[in-house]
Amino acid sequence: MALASTYGYTNHYAAYLEADLGVKVIQNNKGISGMQSGELLDRIRNDQAWRKAISEAEVVTVYIGGNDVGYQLIGEYKFGKCGGDDNMDCIRKAYETFMANYDAILDELLTLCAPGAIIRVATCPYGSLRAYGYSGETTSFLKPLNEQIIQSAAEHNIPLARVDIAFNGPTGDENAEDKEYFKDGWHPSILGATIMADVHRELGYEPTVP
């Protein structure tokens, strides 16, 4: 089961699960393009169909966060209406809201998932929003978000797929667009989705929920 703002990687990950574990994978993909962390948390808490699906899932992957900041960059920040002397208030608010949402999402998953379930979460790669009208860089805005994801994953003892490193290198300065890992600068291409699945595969398949 995938809880994600983009979902192309899950097809490749499902194929790896089948090949590596000798099982038949039935996907229940909840990925919604454009989803932010608050919407995902609301679905997990209040949508009974989602809650039932999570409780029955043997594998759950979570890829969320980029849109929480991205919408601010192409919106208030781009037009100088983000607030504060540095035009950063809305970005700081996005970080604060995301951290609370993300912690709550992982708390809910650990409560809902059955014993033996495999939970995996992922960081966000660094791309661009030129196709959406914002020509500035995004890395410096997404790195703090990834730091929060890394912290929360560690605190919840959930294995983390470092998609940012796979796309942008250990220091985050490699251009993933040059590698053709993005189809529009923001959403992974077929090749990028394969790379995302590779990083998940490297984590192995040990259960997260004892």
C-alpha atoms as a PDB file:
ATOM      1  CA  MET A   1       0.000   0.000   0.000  1.00  0.00           C
ATOM      2  CA  ALA A   2       1.352   3.436  -0.909  1.00  0.00           C
ATOM      3  CA  LEU A   3       0.537   6.686   0.862  1.00  0.00           C
ATOM      4  CA  ALA A   4       2.200   9.183  -1.422  1.00  0.00           C
ATOM      5  CA  SER A   5       1.988  12.425  -3.348  1.00  0.00           C
ATOM      6  CA  THR A   6       3.396  10.577  -6.362  1.00  0.00           C
ATOM      7  CA  TYR A   7       3.123   6.890  -6.988  1.00  0.00           C
ATOM      8  CA  GLY A   8       5.115   5.710  -9.992  1.00  0.00           C
ATOM      9  CA  TYR A   9       7.775   4.093  -7.808  1.00  0.00           C
ATOM     10  CA  THR A  10       5.312   1.672  -6.224  1.00  0.00           C
ATOM     11  CA  ASN A  11       4.895  -0.345  -9.413  1.00  0.00           C
ATOM     12  CA  HIS A  12       8.635  -1.008  -9.494  1.00  0.00           C
ATOM     13  CA  TYR A  13       8.785  -1.658  -5.753  1.00  0.00           C
ATOM     14  CA  ALA A  14       5.933  -4.163  -6.024  1.00  0.00           C
ATOM     15  CA  ALA A  15       7.866  -5.994  -8.743  1.00  0.00           C
ATOM     16  CA  TYR A  16      10.906  -6.149  -6.454  1.00  0.00           C
ATOM     17  CA  LEU A  17       8.792  -7.537  -3.623  1.00  0.00           C
ATOM     18  CA  GLU A  18       7.470 -10.257  -5.895  1.00  0.00           C
ATOM     19  CA  ALA A  19      10.919 -11.156  -7.224  1.00  0.00           C
ATOM     20  CA  ASP A  20      12.720 -11.042  -3.869  1.00  0.00           C
ATOM     21  CA  LEU A  21      10.089 -12.659  -1.653  1.00  0.00           C
ATOM     22  CA  GLY A  22       8.334 -14.949  -4.124  1.00  0.00           C
ATOM     23  CA  VAL A  23       4.918 -13.483  -3.390  1.00  0.00           C
ATOM     24  CA  LYS A  24       2.083 -11.972  -5.376  1.00  0.00           C
ATOM     25  CA  VAL A  25       1.643  -8.279  -4.585  1.00  0.00           C
ATOM     26  CA  ILE A  26      -1.768  -6.659  -4.783  1.00  0.00           C
ATOM     27  CA  GLN A  27      -1.338  -2.892  -4.792  1.00  0.00           C
ATOM     28  CA  ASN A  28      -3.704  -0.516  -3.040  1.00  0.00           C
ATOM     29  CA  ASN A  29      -2.305   2.781  -4.200  1.00  0.00           C
ATOM     30  CA  LYS A  30      -3.539   5.841  -2.356  1.00  0.00           C
ATOM     31  CA  GLY A  31      -1.136   8.225  -4.068  1.00  0.00           C
ATOM     32  CA  ILE A  32      -2.759  11.537  -5.022  1.00  0.00           C
ATOM     33  CA  SER A  33      -0.849  14.065  -7.087  1.00  0.00           C
ATOM     34  CA  GLY A  34      -0.546  17.340  -5.204  1.00  0.00           C
ATOM     35  CA  MET A  35      -1.331  15.864  -1.791  1.00  0.00           C
ATOM     36  CA  GLN A  36       0.107  17.595   1.260  1.00  0.00           C
ATOM     37  CA  SER A  37       0.804  16.120   4.674  1.00  0.00           C
ATOM     38  CA  GLY A  38      -2.306  17.596   6.294  1.00  0.00           C
ATOM     39  CA  GLU A  39      -4.594  15.923   3.770  1.00  0.00           C
ATOM     40  CA  LEU A  40      -2.809  12.605   4.196  1.00  0.00           C
ATOM     41  CA  LEU A  41      -3.120  12.784   7.977  1.00  0.00           C
ATOM     42  CA  ASP A  42      -6.819  13.617   7.698  1.00  0.00           C
ATOM     43  CA  ARG A  43      -7.409  10.613   5.434  1.00  0.00           C
ATOM     44  CA  ILE A  44      -5.524   8.276   7.775  1.00  0.00           C
ATOM     45  CA  ARG A  45      -7.405   9.518  10.819  1.00  0.00           C
ATOM     46  CA  ASN A  46     -10.901   9.917   9.452  1.00  0.00           C
ATOM     47  CA  ASP A  47     -11.421   7.884   6.280  1.00  0.00           C
ATOM     48  CA  GLN A  48     -12.579   4.457   7.391  1.00  0.00           C
ATOM     49  CA  ALA A  49     -11.769   2.859   4.033  1.00  0.00           C
ATOM     50  CA  TRP A  50      -8.193   4.123   4.315  1.00  0.00           C
ATOM     51  CA  ARG A  51      -7.894   2.945   7.918  1.00  0.00           C
ATOM     52  CA  LYS A  52      -9.152  -0.504   7.006  1.00  0.00           C
ATOM     53  CA  ALA A  53      -6.737  -0.726   4.076  1.00  0.00           C
ATOM     54  CA  ILE A  54      -3.794   0.270   6.270  1.00  0.00           C
ATOM     55  CA  SER A  55      -4.717  -2.243   8.949  1.00  0.00           C
ATOM     56  CA  GLU A  56      -4.803  -5.011   6.332  1.00  0.00           C
ATOM     57  CA  ALA A  57      -1.642  -3.981   4.463  1.00  0.00           C
ATOM     58  CA  GLU A  58       1.526  -6.035   4.785  1.00  0.00           C
ATOM     59  CA  VAL A  59       3.698  -3.307   3.254  1.00  0.00           C
ATOM     60  CA  VAL A  60       3.131   0.460   3.561  1.00  0.00           C
ATOM     61  CA  THR A  61       5.283   3.133   1.941  1.00  0.00           C
ATOM     62  CA  VAL A  62       5.062   6.865   2.624  1.00  0.00           C
ATOM     63  CA  TYR A  63       6.380   9.601   0.332  1.00  0.00           C
ATOM     64  CA  ILE A  64       5.081  13.036   1.307  1.00  0.00           C
ATOM     65  CA  GLY A  65       6.290  16.545   2.077  1.00  0.00           C
ATOM     66  CA  GLY A  66       7.541  18.231  -1.065  1.00  0.00           C
ATOM     67  CA  ASN A  67       4.198  19.795  -1.837  1.00  0.00           C
ATOM     68  CA  ASP A  68       3.959  21.319   1.632  1.00  0.00           C
ATOM     69  CA  VAL A  69       6.845  23.603   0.707  1.00  0.00           C
ATOM     70  CA  GLY A  70       6.367  23.615  -3.066  1.00  0.00           C
ATOM     71  CA  TYR A  71       2.947  25.238  -2.915  1.00  0.00           C
ATOM     72  CA  GLN A  72       4.383  28.037  -0.784  1.00  0.00           C
ATOM     73  CA  LEU A  73       7.227  28.608  -3.251  1.00  0.00           C
ATOM     74  CA  ILE A  74       4.937  28.912  -6.283  1.00  0.00           C
ATOM     75  CA  GLY A  75       2.438  30.934  -4.264  1.00  0.00           C
ATOM     76  CA  GLU A  76       3.049  33.463  -1.506  1.00  0.00           C
ATOM     77  CA  TYR A  77       6.848  33.220  -1.542  1.00  0.00           C
ATOM     78  CA  LYS A  78       7.114  33.790  -5.295  1.00  0.00           C
ATOM     79  CA  PHE A  79       4.995  36.928  -5.070  1.00  0.00           C
ATOM     80  CA  GLY A  80       6.791  38.317  -2.006  1.00  0.00           C
ATOM     81  CA  LYS A  81       3.788  37.780   0.237  1.00  0.00           C
ATOM     82  CA  CYS A  82       5.218  35.068   2.481  1.00  0.00           C
ATOM     83  CA  GLY A  83       5.554  37.416   5.441  1.00  0.00           C
ATOM     84  CA  GLY A  84       8.346  38.600   7.693  1.00  0.00           C
ATOM     85  CA  ASP A  85      11.313  40.813   6.866  1.00  0.00           C
ATOM     86  CA  ASP A  86      12.870  37.946   4.905  1.00  0.00           C
ATOM     87  CA  ASN A  87       9.710  36.795   3.087  1.00  0.00           C
ATOM     88  CA  MET A  88      10.011  33.441   4.869  1.00  0.00           C
ATOM     89  CA  ASP A  89       7.205  33.316   7.435  1.00  0.00           C
ATOM     90  CA  CYS A  90       4.984  31.072   5.329  1.00  0.00           C
ATOM     91  CA  ILE A  91       7.895  28.685   4.738  1.00  0.00           C
ATOM     92  CA  ARG A  92       8.642  28.464   8.449  1.00  0.00           C
ATOM     93  CA  LYS A  93       4.958  27.835   9.118  1.00  0.00           C
ATOM     94  CA  ALA A  94       4.995  25.080   6.478  1.00  0.00           C
ATOM     95  CA  TYR A  95       7.929  23.389   8.244  1.00  0.00           C
ATOM     96  CA  GLU A  96       6.186  23.601  11.611  1.00  0.00           C
ATOM     97  CA  THR A  97       2.905  22.244  10.267  1.00  0.00           C
ATOM     98  CA  PHE A  98       4.618  19.485   8.309  1.00  0.00           C
ATOM     99  CA  MET A  99       6.615  18.241  11.302  1.00  0.00           C
ATOM    100  CA  ALA A 100       3.496  17.966  13.443  1.00  0.00           C
ATOM    101  CA  ASN A 101       1.615  16.227  10.635  1.00  0.00           C
ATOM    102  CA  TYR A 102       4.447  13.840   9.802  1.00  0.00           C
ATOM    103  CA  ASP A 103       4.951  12.729  13.385  1.00  0.00           C
ATOM    104  CA  ALA A 104       1.208  12.161  13.678  1.00  0.00           C
ATOM    105  CA  ILE A 105       1.131  10.195  10.397  1.00  0.00           C
ATOM    106  CA  LEU A 106       3.831   7.819  11.618  1.00  0.00           C
ATOM    107  CA  ASP A 107       2.140   7.492  15.011  1.00  0.00           C
ATOM    108  CA  GLU A 108      -1.102   6.512  13.301  1.00  0.00           C
ATOM    109  CA  LEU A 109       0.612   3.979  11.046  1.00  0.00           C
ATOM    110  CA  LEU A 110       2.370   2.277  13.935  1.00  0.00           C
ATOM    111  CA  THR A 111      -0.990   2.018  15.683  1.00  0.00           C
ATOM    112  CA  LEU A 112      -3.002   0.852  12.680  1.00  0.00           C
ATOM    113  CA  CYS A 113      -0.577  -1.553  11.017  1.00  0.00           C
ATOM    114  CA  ALA A 114      -0.739  -5.203  12.032  1.00  0.00           C
ATOM    115  CA  PRO A 115       2.197  -7.023  13.654  1.00  0.00           C
ATOM    116  CA  GLY A 116       4.720  -8.026  11.022  1.00  0.00           C
ATOM    117  CA  ALA A 117       3.890  -5.125   8.708  1.00  0.00           C
ATOM    118  CA  ILE A 118       6.688  -3.511   6.717  1.00  0.00           C
ATOM    119  CA  ILE A 119       6.622   0.307   6.837  1.00  0.00           C
ATOM    120  CA  ARG A 120       9.028   2.418   4.794  1.00  0.00           C
ATOM    121  CA  VAL A 121       9.277   6.195   4.458  1.00  0.00           C
ATOM    122  CA  ALA A 122      11.270   8.338   2.028  1.00  0.00           C
ATOM    123  CA  THR A 123      12.940  11.719   1.778  1.00  0.00           C
ATOM    124  CA  CYS A 124      12.221  14.192  -1.023  1.00  0.00           C
ATOM    125  CA  PRO A 125      14.625  14.699  -3.947  1.00  0.00           C
ATOM    126  CA  TYR A 126      15.695  18.161  -5.040  1.00  0.00           C
ATOM    127  CA  GLY A 127      14.275  19.318  -8.339  1.00  0.00           C
ATOM    128  CA  SER A 128      12.834  22.527  -9.737  1.00  0.00           C
ATOM    129  CA  LEU A 129       9.457  24.207 -10.062  1.00  0.00           C
ATOM    130  CA  ARG A 130      10.156  26.051 -13.315  1.00  0.00           C
ATOM    131  CA  ALA A 131       7.280  24.224 -14.980  1.00  0.00           C
ATOM    132  CA  TYR A 132       5.021  25.709 -12.304  1.00  0.00           C
ATOM    133  CA  GLY A 133       6.214  29.296 -12.604  1.00  0.00           C
ATOM    134  CA  TYR A 134       8.914  29.450  -9.930  1.00  0.00           C
ATOM    135  CA  SER A 135      12.433  29.872 -11.312  1.00  0.00           C
ATOM    136  CA  GLY A 136      14.366  29.921  -8.035  1.00  0.00           C
ATOM    137  CA  GLU A 137      16.233  27.025  -6.466  1.00  0.00           C
ATOM    138  CA  THR A 138      14.414  24.600  -4.178  1.00  0.00           C
ATOM    139  CA  THR A 139      17.195  22.648  -2.476  1.00  0.00           C
ATOM    140  CA  SER A 140      17.715  25.035   0.429  1.00  0.00           C
ATOM    141  CA  PHE A 141      13.974  24.921   1.122  1.00  0.00           C
ATOM    142  CA  LEU A 142      13.636  21.142   0.918  1.00  0.00           C
ATOM    143  CA  LYS A 143      16.723  20.260   2.959  1.00  0.00           C
ATOM    144  CA  PRO A 144      15.126  21.379   6.279  1.00  0.00           C
ATOM    145  CA  LEU A 145      12.059  19.337   5.338  1.00  0.00           C
ATOM    146  CA  ASN A 146      14.218  16.257   4.778  1.00  0.00           C
ATOM    147  CA  GLU A 147      15.967  16.848   8.093  1.00  0.00           C
ATOM    148  CA  GLN A 148      12.561  16.642   9.749  1.00  0.00           C
ATOM    149  CA  ILE A 149      11.719  13.433   7.869  1.00  0.00           C
ATOM    150  CA  ILE A 150      15.054  11.899   8.897  1.00  0.00           C
ATOM    151  CA  GLN A 151      14.489  12.870  12.529  1.00  0.00           C
ATOM    152  CA  SER A 152      10.937  11.561  12.651  1.00  0.00           C
ATOM    153  CA  ALA A 153      11.820   8.277  10.949  1.00  0.00           C
ATOM    154  CA  ALA A 154      14.620   7.698  13.467  1.00  0.00           C
ATOM    155  CA  GLU A 155      12.384   8.516  16.422  1.00  0.00           C
ATOM    156  CA  HIS A 156       9.754   6.044  15.178  1.00  0.00           C
ATOM    157  CA  ASN A 157      12.314   3.361  14.237  1.00  0.00           C
ATOM    158  CA  ILE A 158      11.044   3.249  10.653  1.00  0.00           C
ATOM    159  CA  PRO A 159      13.571   2.478   7.889  1.00  0.00           C
ATOM    160  CA  LEU A 160      14.181   5.490   5.668  1.00  0.00           C
ATOM    161  CA  ALA A 161      14.752   5.490   1.909  1.00  0.00           C
ATOM    162  CA  ARG A 162      17.186   8.348   1.199  1.00  0.00           C
ATOM    163  CA  VAL A 163      15.782   9.319  -2.163  1.00  0.00           C
ATOM    164  CA  ASP A 164      17.486  12.705  -1.897  1.00  0.00           C
ATOM    165  CA  ILE A 165      20.927  11.071  -1.863  1.00  0.00           C
ATOM    166  CA  ALA A 166      20.040   8.709  -4.708  1.00  0.00           C
ATOM    167  CA  PHE A 167      18.881  11.631  -6.851  1.00  0.00           C
ATOM    168  CA  ASN A 168      21.181  14.457  -5.778  1.00  0.00           C
ATOM    169  CA  GLY A 169      24.247  12.832  -4.232  1.00  0.00           C
ATOM    170  CA  PRO A 170      25.481  12.881  -0.623  1.00  0.00           C
ATOM    171  CA  THR A 171      25.829  16.678  -0.504  1.00  0.00           C
ATOM    172  CA  GLY A 172      22.646  17.397  -2.451  1.00  0.00           C
ATOM    173  CA  ASP A 173      24.370  19.342  -5.223  1.00  0.00           C
ATOM    174  CA  GLU A 174      24.003  16.886  -8.115  1.00  0.00           C
ATOM    175  CA  ASN A 175      21.405  17.893 -10.685  1.00  0.00           C
ATOM    176  CA  ALA A 176      18.835  15.109 -10.913  1.00  0.00           C
ATOM    177  CA  GLU A 177      17.252  16.755 -13.953  1.00  0.00           C
ATOM    178  CA  ASP A 178      20.483  16.215 -15.870  1.00  0.00           C
ATOM    179  CA  LYS A 179      20.192  12.531 -14.988  1.00  0.00           C
ATOM    180  CA  GLU A 180      16.620  12.557 -16.328  1.00  0.00           C
ATOM    181  CA  TYR A 181      15.221  11.496 -12.954  1.00  0.00           C
ATOM    182  CA  PHE A 182      12.384  14.051 -13.248  1.00  0.00           C
ATOM    183  CA  LYS A 183       9.747  14.338 -15.943  1.00  0.00           C
ATOM    184  CA  ASP A 184       8.915  17.982 -15.230  1.00  0.00           C
ATOM    185  CA  GLY A 185      11.519  19.038 -12.686  1.00  0.00           C
ATOM    186  CA  TRP A 186       9.345  18.029  -9.718  1.00  0.00           C
ATOM    187  CA  HIS A 187       7.702  14.666 -10.345  1.00  0.00           C
ATOM    188  CA  PRO A 188       9.905  11.588 -10.907  1.00  0.00           C
ATOM    189  CA  SER A 189      10.231  10.217 -14.423  1.00  0.00           C
ATOM    190  CA  ILE A 190       9.996   6.491 -15.126  1.00  0.00           C
ATOM    191  CA  LEU A 191      13.748   6.306 -14.565  1.00  0.00           C
ATOM    192  CA  GLY A 192      13.453   8.321 -11.359  1.00  0.00           C
ATOM    193  CA  ALA A 193      10.660   6.092 -10.107  1.00  0.00           C
ATOM    194  CA  THR A 194      12.889   3.085 -10.696  1.00  0.00           C
ATOM    195  CA  ILE A 195      15.657   4.728  -8.675  1.00  0.00           C
ATOM    196  CA  MET A 196      13.193   5.382  -5.847  1.00  0.00           C
ATOM    197  CA  ALA A 197      12.165   1.728  -5.862  1.00  0.00           C
ATOM    198  CA  ASP A 198      15.837   0.684  -5.860  1.00  0.00           C
ATOM    199  CA  VAL A 199      16.454   2.681  -2.675  1.00  0.00           C
ATOM    200  CA  HIS A 200      13.438   1.072  -1.018  1.00  0.00           C
ATOM    201  CA  ARG A 201      14.644  -2.375  -2.088  1.00  0.00           C
ATOM    202  CA  GLU A 202      18.050  -1.761  -0.512  1.00  0.00           C
ATOM    203  CA  LEU A 203      16.387  -1.397   2.892  1.00  0.00           C
ATOM    204  CA  GLY A 204      15.384  -5.057   2.875  1.00  0.00           C
ATOM    205  CA  TYR A 205      12.120  -6.411   4.163  1.00  0.00           C
ATOM    206  CA  GLU A 206      12.394  -6.672   7.927  1.00  0.00           C
ATOM    207  CA  PRO A 207       9.072  -5.920   9.640  1.00  0.00           C
ATOM    208  CA  THR A 208       8.664  -2.509  11.237  1.00  0.00           C
ATOM    209  CA  VAL A 209       5.813  -3.463  13.545  1.00  0.00           C
ATOM    210  CA  PRO A 210       6.931  -6.185  15.992  1.00  0.00           C
END
